[in-house]
Amino acid sequence: MTSSRHRQALAQYEDRFGSYSGEKYISPSECPEDRRALVAEIEVSAAAVLIADHLAPYAEGIYPERSAEKLEHLYSRVRNWDPHLPRK
């Protein structure tokens, strides 16, 4: 599952810069400045959907077998890219 913003940002990236590969920009420092805000939107939205999917059952009192620790890389991705999100 992806968010509508994720799909929009991905389409914008592909229109401007060609196909997107998440492995291309492991960290913001590896991403060119002119692409950084758009890549931040792609990375954060993708991670947020996965985190939300994992946490949703907790709200219903269902505790999944897999541990939230396995999502640590997603939390790190959000933390690293969040400062580069376009703020209005």
C-alpha atoms as a PDB file:
ATOM      1  CA  MET A   1       0.000   0.000   0.000  1.00  0.00           C
ATOM      2  CA  THR A   2       1.182   3.533  -0.778  1.00  0.00           C
ATOM      3  CA  SER A   3      -0.139   6.971   0.027  1.00  0.00           C
ATOM      4  CA  SER A   4      -1.452   9.358  -2.600  1.00  0.00           C
ATOM      5  CA  ARG A   5       1.330  11.814  -1.723  1.00  0.00           C
ATOM      6  CA  HIS A   6       3.899   9.072  -2.238  1.00  0.00           C
ATOM      7  CA  ARG A   7       2.516   8.361  -5.718  1.00  0.00           C
ATOM      8  CA  GLN A   8       2.454  12.090  -6.560  1.00  0.00           C
ATOM      9  CA  ALA A   9       6.027  12.662  -5.387  1.00  0.00           C
ATOM     10  CA  LEU A  10       7.237   9.586  -7.245  1.00  0.00           C
ATOM     11  CA  ALA A  11       5.529  10.752 -10.457  1.00  0.00           C
ATOM     12  CA  GLN A  12       7.057  14.237 -10.059  1.00  0.00           C
ATOM     13  CA  TYR A  13      10.500  12.739  -9.529  1.00  0.00           C
ATOM     14  CA  GLU A  14      10.193  10.490 -12.566  1.00  0.00           C
ATOM     15  CA  ASP A  15       8.957  13.382 -14.741  1.00  0.00           C
ATOM     16  CA  ARG A  16      11.918  15.543 -13.744  1.00  0.00           C
ATOM     17  CA  PHE A  17      14.774  13.099 -13.181  1.00  0.00           C
ATOM     18  CA  GLY A  18      13.851   9.704 -14.648  1.00  0.00           C
ATOM     19  CA  SER A  19      13.134   6.456 -12.849  1.00  0.00           C
ATOM     20  CA  TYR A  20      13.477   6.398  -9.057  1.00  0.00           C
ATOM     21  CA  SER A  21      15.455   3.823  -7.137  1.00  0.00           C
ATOM     22  CA  GLY A  22      15.381   3.992  -3.347  1.00  0.00           C
ATOM     23  CA  GLU A  23      18.826   2.454  -3.122  1.00  0.00           C
ATOM     24  CA  LYS A  24      20.249   5.431  -5.001  1.00  0.00           C
ATOM     25  CA  TYR A  25      19.946   7.850  -2.063  1.00  0.00           C
ATOM     26  CA  ILE A  26      20.661   6.054   1.187  1.00  0.00           C
ATOM     27  CA  SER A  27      20.976   9.316   3.105  1.00  0.00           C
ATOM     28  CA  PRO A  28      20.164  12.983   2.474  1.00  0.00           C
ATOM     29  CA  SER A  29      23.867  13.802   2.138  1.00  0.00           C
ATOM     30  CA  GLU A  30      24.083  11.463  -0.871  1.00  0.00           C
ATOM     31  CA  CYS A  31      21.154  13.164  -2.595  1.00  0.00           C
ATOM     32  CA  PRO A  32      21.647  16.228  -4.823  1.00  0.00           C
ATOM     33  CA  GLU A  33      20.180  19.391  -3.289  1.00  0.00           C
ATOM     34  CA  ASP A  34      17.745  19.939  -6.168  1.00  0.00           C
ATOM     35  CA  ARG A  35      16.160  16.523  -5.510  1.00  0.00           C
ATOM     36  CA  ARG A  36      16.362  16.334  -1.735  1.00  0.00           C
ATOM     37  CA  ALA A  37      12.874  17.604  -0.777  1.00  0.00           C
ATOM     38  CA  LEU A  38      11.177  15.373  -3.337  1.00  0.00           C
ATOM     39  CA  VAL A  39      13.198  12.308  -2.301  1.00  0.00           C
ATOM     40  CA  ALA A  40      12.410  13.118   1.341  1.00  0.00           C
ATOM     41  CA  GLU A  41       8.681  13.015   0.535  1.00  0.00           C
ATOM     42  CA  ILE A  42       9.080   9.679  -1.247  1.00  0.00           C
ATOM     43  CA  GLU A  43      11.171   8.108   1.523  1.00  0.00           C
ATOM     44  CA  VAL A  44       9.140   9.392   4.481  1.00  0.00           C
ATOM     45  CA  SER A  45       5.758   8.573   2.964  1.00  0.00           C
ATOM     46  CA  ALA A  46       6.849   5.029   2.068  1.00  0.00           C
ATOM     47  CA  ALA A  47       8.206   4.406   5.571  1.00  0.00           C
ATOM     48  CA  ALA A  48       5.171   5.988   7.254  1.00  0.00           C
ATOM     49  CA  VAL A  49       2.744   3.678   5.440  1.00  0.00           C
ATOM     50  CA  LEU A  50       4.680   0.595   6.551  1.00  0.00           C
ATOM     51  CA  ILE A  51       4.898   1.837  10.142  1.00  0.00           C
ATOM     52  CA  ALA A  52       1.161   2.648  10.192  1.00  0.00           C
ATOM     53  CA  ASP A  53       0.294  -0.784   8.778  1.00  0.00           C
ATOM     54  CA  HIS A  54       2.300  -2.383  11.561  1.00  0.00           C
ATOM     55  CA  LEU A  55       0.847  -0.240  14.352  1.00  0.00           C
ATOM     56  CA  ALA A  56      -2.828  -0.316  13.303  1.00  0.00           C
ATOM     57  CA  PRO A  57      -3.604  -3.674  14.999  1.00  0.00           C
ATOM     58  CA  TYR A  58      -2.276  -2.342  18.324  1.00  0.00           C
ATOM     59  CA  ALA A  59      -5.146   0.169  18.387  1.00  0.00           C
ATOM     60  CA  GLU A  60      -7.569  -2.769  18.221  1.00  0.00           C
ATOM     61  CA  GLY A  61      -5.807  -4.637  21.026  1.00  0.00           C
ATOM     62  CA  ILE A  62      -4.182  -7.119  18.656  1.00  0.00           C
ATOM     63  CA  TYR A  63      -0.481  -7.500  19.259  1.00  0.00           C
ATOM     64  CA  PRO A  64       1.348  -8.882  16.236  1.00  0.00           C
ATOM     65  CA  GLU A  65       3.963 -11.545  16.632  1.00  0.00           C
ATOM     66  CA  ARG A  66       6.601  -9.485  14.909  1.00  0.00           C
ATOM     67  CA  SER A  67       8.273  -6.927  17.066  1.00  0.00           C
ATOM     68  CA  ALA A  68       8.335  -3.190  16.437  1.00  0.00           C
ATOM     69  CA  GLU A  69      12.122  -3.445  16.746  1.00  0.00           C
ATOM     70  CA  LYS A  70      12.116  -4.946  13.266  1.00  0.00           C
ATOM     71  CA  LEU A  71      10.842  -1.594  12.036  1.00  0.00           C
ATOM     72  CA  GLU A  72      13.753   0.381  13.455  1.00  0.00           C
ATOM     73  CA  HIS A  73      15.196   0.984   9.978  1.00  0.00           C
ATOM     74  CA  LEU A  74      11.912   2.658   8.987  1.00  0.00           C
ATOM     75  CA  TYR A  75      11.962   4.948  12.025  1.00  0.00           C
ATOM     76  CA  SER A  76      15.567   5.851  11.136  1.00  0.00           C
ATOM     77  CA  ARG A  77      14.578   6.619   7.554  1.00  0.00           C
ATOM     78  CA  VAL A  78      11.842   9.000   8.752  1.00  0.00           C
ATOM     79  CA  ARG A  79      14.199  10.658  11.256  1.00  0.00           C
ATOM     80  CA  ASN A  80      16.948  11.146   8.633  1.00  0.00           C
ATOM     81  CA  TRP A  81      14.758  12.505   5.854  1.00  0.00           C
ATOM     82  CA  ASP A  82      12.212  14.507   7.896  1.00  0.00           C
ATOM     83  CA  PRO A  83      14.346  17.679   8.164  1.00  0.00           C
ATOM     84  CA  HIS A  84      14.377  17.842   4.354  1.00  0.00           C
ATOM     85  CA  LEU A  85      10.606  17.689   3.845  1.00  0.00           C
ATOM     86  CA  PRO A  86       9.152  20.795   2.224  1.00  0.00           C
ATOM     87  CA  ARG A  87       7.502  22.800   4.988  1.00  0.00           C
ATOM     88  CA  LYS A  88       4.966  25.487   4.225  1.00  0.00           C
END
